[in-house]
C-alpha atoms as a PDB file:
ATOM      1  CA  MET A   1      41.620   4.121 100.574  1.00  0.00           C
ATOM      2  CA  ALA A   2      44.290   4.672 103.304  1.00  0.00           C
ATOM      3  CA  ARG A   3      45.883   7.491 102.293  1.00  0.00           C
ATOM      4  CA  ASN A   4      48.664   7.477 103.051  1.00  0.00           C
ATOM      5  CA  GLY A   5      50.102  10.637 100.908  1.00  0.00           C
ATOM      6  CA  ALA A   6      50.269   8.425  97.604  1.00  0.00           C
ATOM      7  CA  PHE A   7      46.773   8.835  96.097  1.00  0.00           C
ATOM      8  CA  GLY A   8      47.078  12.730  96.699  1.00  0.00           C
ATOM      9  CA  HIS A   9      44.389  15.012  98.537  1.00  0.00           C
ATOM     10  CA  PRO A  10      40.658  14.225  96.807  1.00  0.00           C
ATOM     11  CA  ASP A  11      38.705  17.217  95.224  1.00  0.00           C
ATOM     12  CA  GLU A  12      35.387  18.481  95.931  1.00  0.00           C
ATOM     13  CA  ALA A  13      34.093  15.722  92.535  1.00  0.00           C
ATOM     14  CA  GLY A  14      35.632  12.354  95.335  1.00  0.00           C
ATOM     15  CA  THR A  15      38.683  12.315  92.673  1.00  0.00           C
ATOM     16  CA  PRO A  16      42.338  13.055  93.146  1.00  0.00           C
ATOM     17  CA  ASP A  17      43.983  16.285  92.958  1.00  0.00           C
ATOM     18  CA  ASN A  18      47.439  14.879  91.654  1.00  0.00           C
ATOM     19  CA  PRO A  19      47.857  12.717  89.044  1.00  0.00           C
ATOM     20  CA  VAL A  20      49.495   8.805  90.459  1.00  0.00           C
ATOM     21  CA  LEU A  21      53.557   8.927  89.933  1.00  0.00           C
ATOM     22  CA  ILE A  22      54.566   5.500  88.275  1.00  0.00           C
ATOM     23  CA  THR A  23      57.811   4.856  88.720  1.00  0.00           C
ATOM     24  CA  GLU A  24      58.194   1.786  86.715  1.00  0.00           C
ATOM     25  CA  ALA A  25      55.842   2.846  83.504  1.00  0.00           C
ATOM     26  CA  GLN A  26      58.490   2.839  80.178  1.00  0.00           C
ATOM     27  CA  LEU A  27      58.595   5.434  78.867  1.00  0.00           C
ATOM     28  CA  SER A  28      55.774   5.545  75.686  1.00  0.00           C
ATOM     29  CA  ILE A  29      55.856   4.693  72.538  1.00  0.00           C
ATOM     30  CA  ASP A  30      56.103   8.669  71.565  1.00  0.00           C
ATOM     31  CA  GLU A  31      58.138   9.579  74.085  1.00  0.00           C
ATOM     32  CA  GLN A  32      61.192   6.680  73.031  1.00  0.00           C
ATOM     33  CA  HIS A  33      61.037   7.641  69.149  1.00  0.00           C
ATOM     34  CA  LYS A  34      61.656  10.827  70.432  1.00  0.00           C
ATOM     35  CA  ALA A  35      63.699  10.297  72.455  1.00  0.00           C
ATOM     36  CA  ARG A  36      65.714   7.371  69.242  1.00  0.00           C
ATOM     37  CA  VAL A  37      64.830  11.119  66.652  1.00  0.00           C
ATOM     38  CA  ARG A  38      66.914  13.605  68.376  1.00  0.00           C
ATOM     39  CA  LYS A  39      69.688  10.995  69.563  1.00  0.00           C
ATOM     40  CA  TYR A  40      70.092  10.279  65.732  1.00  0.00           C
ATOM     41  CA  MET A  41      69.695  14.238  65.099  1.00  0.00           C
ATOM     42  CA  THR A  42      72.453  14.575  67.429  1.00  0.00           C
ATOM     43  CA  ILE A  43      75.353  12.481  65.868  1.00  0.00           C
ATOM     44  CA  MET A  44      74.078  13.403  62.581  1.00  0.00           C
ATOM     45  CA  ALA A  45      74.985  17.515  63.547  1.00  0.00           C
ATOM     46  CA  PHE A  46      78.328  16.724  63.577  1.00  0.00           C
ATOM     47  CA  ARG A  47      78.391  15.250  59.672  1.00  0.00           C
ATOM     48  CA  PHE A  48      78.114  19.001  58.369  1.00  0.00           C
ATOM     49  CA  PRO A  49      80.502  20.840  60.748  1.00  0.00           C
ATOM     50  CA  ALA A  50      83.309  17.814  59.833  1.00  0.00           C
ATOM     51  CA  LEU A  51      83.032  18.522  56.582  1.00  0.00           C
ATOM     52  CA  ILE A  52      83.468  22.531  57.204  1.00  0.00           C
ATOM     53  CA  LEU A  53      86.262  21.517  59.324  1.00  0.00           C
ATOM     54  CA  ALA A  54      88.157  19.895  56.677  1.00  0.00           C
ATOM     55  CA  ALA A  55      87.413  22.642  54.262  1.00  0.00           C
ATOM     56  CA  ILE A  56      90.003  24.322  56.713  1.00  0.00           C
ATOM     57  CA  ALA A  57      92.494  22.120  58.217  1.00  0.00           C
ATOM     58  CA  TYR A  58      92.761  21.638  53.759  1.00  0.00           C
ATOM     59  CA  GLY A  59      93.318  25.991  53.191  1.00  0.00           C
ATOM     60  CA  ILE A  60      95.308  26.291  57.668  1.00  0.00           C
ATOM     61  CA  TRP A  61      97.481  23.352  56.389  1.00  0.00           C
ATOM     62  CA  GLU A  62      97.155  22.767  52.988  1.00  0.00           C
ATOM     63  CA  ASN A  63      97.453  18.548  53.376  1.00  0.00           C
ATOM     64  CA  GLY A  64      95.131  16.866  51.755  1.00  0.00           C
ATOM     65  CA  TRP A  65      95.996  13.266  54.221  1.00  0.00           C
ATOM     66  CA  VAL A  66      94.497  15.863  57.559  1.00  0.00           C
ATOM     67  CA  SER A  67      91.580  16.936  55.401  1.00  0.00           C
ATOM     68  CA  MET A  68      90.496  12.852  54.147  1.00  0.00           C
ATOM     69  CA  LEU A  69      91.213  12.462  58.004  1.00  0.00           C
ATOM     70  CA  ILE A  70      88.745  14.376  59.415  1.00  0.00           C
ATOM     71  CA  ILE A  71      86.213  13.117  56.065  1.00  0.00           C
ATOM     72  CA  GLY A  72      87.122   9.637  56.833  1.00  0.00           C
ATOM     73  CA  ALA A  73      86.030  10.064  60.472  1.00  0.00           C
ATOM     74  CA  SER A  74      82.739  11.150  59.353  1.00  0.00           C
ATOM     75  CA  ILE A  75      81.777   8.371  56.806  1.00  0.00           C
ATOM     76  CA  PRO A  76      80.775   6.105  59.604  1.00  0.00           C
ATOM     77  CA  LEU A  77      78.517   8.994  61.683  1.00  0.00           C
ATOM     78  CA  PRO A  78      74.872   8.000  59.538  1.00  0.00           C
ATOM     79  CA  TRP A  79      75.699   3.624  59.978  1.00  0.00           C
ATOM     80  CA  ILE A  80      76.792   4.476  63.392  1.00  0.00           C
ATOM     81  CA  ALA A  81      73.868   6.996  64.221  1.00  0.00           C
ATOM     82  CA  VAL A  82      71.428   4.415  63.117  1.00  0.00           C
ATOM     83  CA  LEU A  83      72.731   1.420  64.750  1.00  0.00           C
ATOM     84  CA  ILE A  84      72.289   4.107  67.679  1.00  0.00           C
ATOM     85  CA  ALA A  85      68.810   5.576  67.446  1.00  0.00           C
ATOM     86  CA  ASN A  86      66.580   2.316  66.279  1.00  0.00           C
ATOM     87  CA  ASP A  87      68.502   0.135  69.640  1.00  0.00           C
ATOM     88  CA  ARG A  88      65.789  -0.248  72.194  1.00  0.00           C
ATOM     89  CA  PRO A  89      65.912   1.490  75.867  1.00  0.00           C
ATOM     90  CA  PRO A  90      68.366  -1.297  77.847  1.00  0.00           C
ATOM     91  CA  ARG A  91      66.614  -4.456  79.925  1.00  0.00           C
ATOM     92  CA  THR A  92      65.158  -3.780  83.232  1.00  0.00           C
ATOM     93  CA  LYS A  93      65.820  -6.353  85.842  1.00  0.00           C
ATOM     94  CA  ASP A  94      62.090  -6.789  86.013  1.00  0.00           C
ATOM     95  CA  GLU A  95      61.634  -7.697  82.670  1.00  0.00           C
ATOM     96  CA  PRO A  96      61.228 -11.271  81.839  1.00  0.00           C
ATOM     97  CA  SER A  97      63.538 -13.409  80.484  1.00  0.00           C
ATOM     98  CA  ARG A  98      62.710 -15.075  77.363  1.00  0.00           C
ATOM     99  CA  TYR A  99      65.056 -17.943  78.366  1.00  0.00           C
ATOM    100  CA  ASP A 100      63.259 -20.662  80.194  1.00  0.00           C
ATOM    101  CA  GLY A 101      66.573 -22.799  81.292  1.00  0.00           C
ATOM    102  CA  ARG A 102      65.137 -25.820  80.174  1.00  0.00           C
ATOM    103  CA  ARG A 103      68.747 -27.817  78.733  1.00  0.00           C
ATOM    104  CA  ARG A 104      67.976 -29.278  74.703  1.00  0.00           C
ATOM    105  CA  GLY A 105      66.504 -33.030  74.497  1.00  0.00           C
ATOM    106  CA  ALA A 106      64.748 -32.505  77.878  1.00  0.00           C
ATOM    107  CA  GLY A 107      61.288 -32.640  76.582  1.00  0.00           C
ATOM    108  CA  GLU A 108      62.166 -34.444  74.102  1.00  0.00           C
ATOM    109  CA  ILE A 109      60.413 -38.695  73.342  1.00  0.00           C
ATOM    110  CA  GLU A 110      63.033 -41.604  74.625  1.00  0.00           C
ATOM    111  CA  SER A 111      64.233 -43.622  72.045  1.00  0.00           C
ATOM    112  CA  SER A 112      62.365 -47.316  73.451  1.00  0.00           C
ATOM    113  CA  PRO A 113      63.856 -50.715  70.983  1.00  0.00           C
ATOM    114  CA  HIS A 114      61.814 -51.598  68.113  1.00  0.00           C
ATOM    115  CA  HIS A 115      60.416 -55.293  66.871  1.00  0.00           C
ATOM    116  CA  ILE A 116      62.276 -55.136  63.132  1.00  0.00           C
ATOM    117  CA  ILE A 117      60.450 -57.592  61.000  1.00  0.00           C
ATOM    118  CA  GLU A 118      61.748 -59.388  58.014  1.00  0.00           C
ATOM    119  CA  SER A 119      60.047 -61.159  55.717  1.00  0.00           C
END
Protein backbone atom coordinates (compact mmCIF):
# COMPACT_ATOMS: atom_id res chain seq x y z
CA MET A 1 0.00 0.00 0.00
CA ALA A 2 1.37 3.40 -0.97
CA ARG A 3 2.04 5.91 1.77
CA ASN A 4 1.14 9.26 0.33
CA GLY A 5 -0.42 10.72 3.45
CA ALA A 6 -3.99 10.16 2.31
CA PHE A 7 -4.51 7.20 4.60
CA GLY A 8 -2.66 8.46 7.67
CA HIS A 9 0.07 6.63 9.55
CA PRO A 10 -0.78 3.11 10.69
CA ASP A 11 -0.61 2.32 14.39
CA GLU A 12 0.72 -0.94 15.93
CA ALA A 13 -2.40 -2.86 14.89
CA GLY A 14 -1.82 -1.85 11.27
CA THR A 15 -4.91 0.33 10.99
CA PRO A 16 -4.62 4.00 10.05
CA ASP A 17 -4.89 6.39 13.00
CA ASN A 18 -6.63 9.08 10.93
CA PRO A 19 -9.90 8.37 9.18
CA VAL A 20 -10.00 8.82 5.43
CA LEU A 21 -11.88 11.90 4.29
CA ILE A 22 -14.08 11.17 1.30
CA THR A 23 -14.85 14.61 -0.07
CA GLU A 24 -17.24 13.50 -2.80
CA ALA A 25 -19.56 11.60 -0.47
CA GLN A 26 -23.03 13.06 -0.02
CA LEU A 27 -24.42 14.02 3.35
CA SER A 28 -26.12 11.21 5.23
CA ILE A 29 -29.90 11.07 5.33
CA ASP A 30 -29.90 12.18 8.98
CA GLU A 31 -27.72 15.20 8.21
CA GLN A 32 -29.91 16.14 5.24
CA HIS A 33 -32.99 15.87 7.48
CA LYS A 34 -31.40 18.06 10.16
CA ALA A 35 -30.52 20.69 7.55
CA ARG A 36 -34.10 20.67 6.21
CA VAL A 37 -35.56 20.99 9.72
CA ARG A 38 -33.17 23.87 10.42
CA LYS A 39 -34.30 25.67 7.24
CA TYR A 40 -37.97 25.12 8.14
CA MET A 41 -37.55 26.35 11.70
CA THR A 42 -35.58 29.42 10.56
CA ILE A 43 -38.29 30.48 8.13
CA MET A 44 -41.13 29.73 10.54
CA ALA A 45 -39.36 31.70 13.29
CA PHE A 46 -40.31 34.88 11.41
CA ARG A 47 -44.06 34.30 11.83
CA PHE A 48 -44.42 35.06 15.53
CA PRO A 49 -42.28 38.22 15.42
CA ALA A 50 -44.33 39.36 12.42
CA LEU A 51 -47.51 39.18 14.52
CA ILE A 52 -45.86 41.16 17.32
CA LEU A 53 -44.54 43.69 14.80
CA ALA A 54 -48.04 44.03 13.33
CA ALA A 55 -49.46 44.73 16.80
CA ILE A 56 -46.75 47.31 17.48
CA ALA A 57 -47.33 48.94 14.10
CA TYR A 58 -51.06 49.15 14.83
CA GLY A 59 -50.35 50.71 18.23
CA ILE A 60 -47.90 53.28 16.87
CA TRP A 61 -49.58 54.43 13.66
CA GLU A 62 -53.13 53.35 14.48
CA ASN A 63 -53.37 52.34 10.88
CA GLY A 64 -54.70 48.88 10.08
CA TRP A 65 -53.19 48.83 6.59
CA VAL A 66 -49.59 48.51 7.79
CA SER A 67 -50.55 45.77 10.22
CA MET A 68 -52.53 43.92 7.56
CA LEU A 69 -49.60 44.19 5.17
CA ILE A 70 -47.26 42.62 7.74
CA ILE A 71 -49.76 39.87 8.54
CA GLY A 72 -50.39 39.31 4.84
CA ALA A 73 -46.68 38.87 4.24
CA SER A 74 -46.52 36.24 7.00
CA ILE A 75 -49.42 34.15 5.64
CA PRO A 76 -47.47 32.33 2.87
CA LEU A 77 -44.48 31.62 5.14
CA PRO A 78 -45.58 28.06 6.10
CA TRP A 79 -46.06 27.16 2.43
CA ILE A 80 -42.68 28.64 1.50
CA ALA A 81 -41.01 26.91 4.45
CA VAL A 82 -42.40 23.50 3.46
CA LEU A 83 -41.34 23.93 -0.17
CA ILE A 84 -37.81 24.97 0.75
CA ALA A 85 -37.42 22.32 3.46
CA ASN A 86 -38.62 19.48 1.21
CA ASP A 87 -36.32 20.43 -1.64
CA ARG A 88 -33.55 17.94 -2.38
CA PRO A 89 -29.90 18.95 -2.32
CA PRO A 90 -28.68 20.42 -5.60
CA ARG A 91 -27.50 17.96 -8.22
CA THR A 92 -23.81 17.57 -8.77
CA LYS A 93 -22.12 17.27 -12.13
CA ASP A 94 -21.28 13.63 -11.38
CA GLU A 95 -24.89 12.53 -10.92
CA PRO A 96 -26.16 10.57 -13.89
CA SER A 97 -28.80 12.18 -16.01
CA ARG A 98 -32.05 10.30 -16.46
CA TYR A 99 -32.24 11.37 -20.10
CA ASP A 100 -30.65 8.69 -22.27
CA GLY A 101 -30.54 10.66 -25.53
CA ARG A 102 -32.83 8.48 -27.59
CA ARG A 103 -35.20 10.23 -29.91
CA ARG A 104 -38.86 9.56 -29.65
CA GLY A 105 -39.85 6.76 -31.98
CA ALA A 106 -36.29 5.56 -32.61
CA GLY A 107 -36.94 2.18 -30.99
CA GLU A 108 -40.37 1.61 -32.44
CA ILE A 109 -41.06 -1.13 -34.98
CA GLU A 110 -41.38 0.23 -38.47
CA SER A 111 -44.61 -0.48 -40.20
CA SER A 112 -44.46 -2.36 -43.46
CA PRO A 113 -47.14 -2.63 -46.12
CA HIS A 114 -49.52 -5.44 -45.37
CA HIS A 115 -51.95 -7.36 -47.53
CA ILE A 116 -55.63 -6.73 -47.20
CA ILE A 117 -57.82 -9.77 -47.84
CA GLU A 118 -61.22 -8.95 -49.24
CA SER A 119 -63.89 -11.60 -49.31
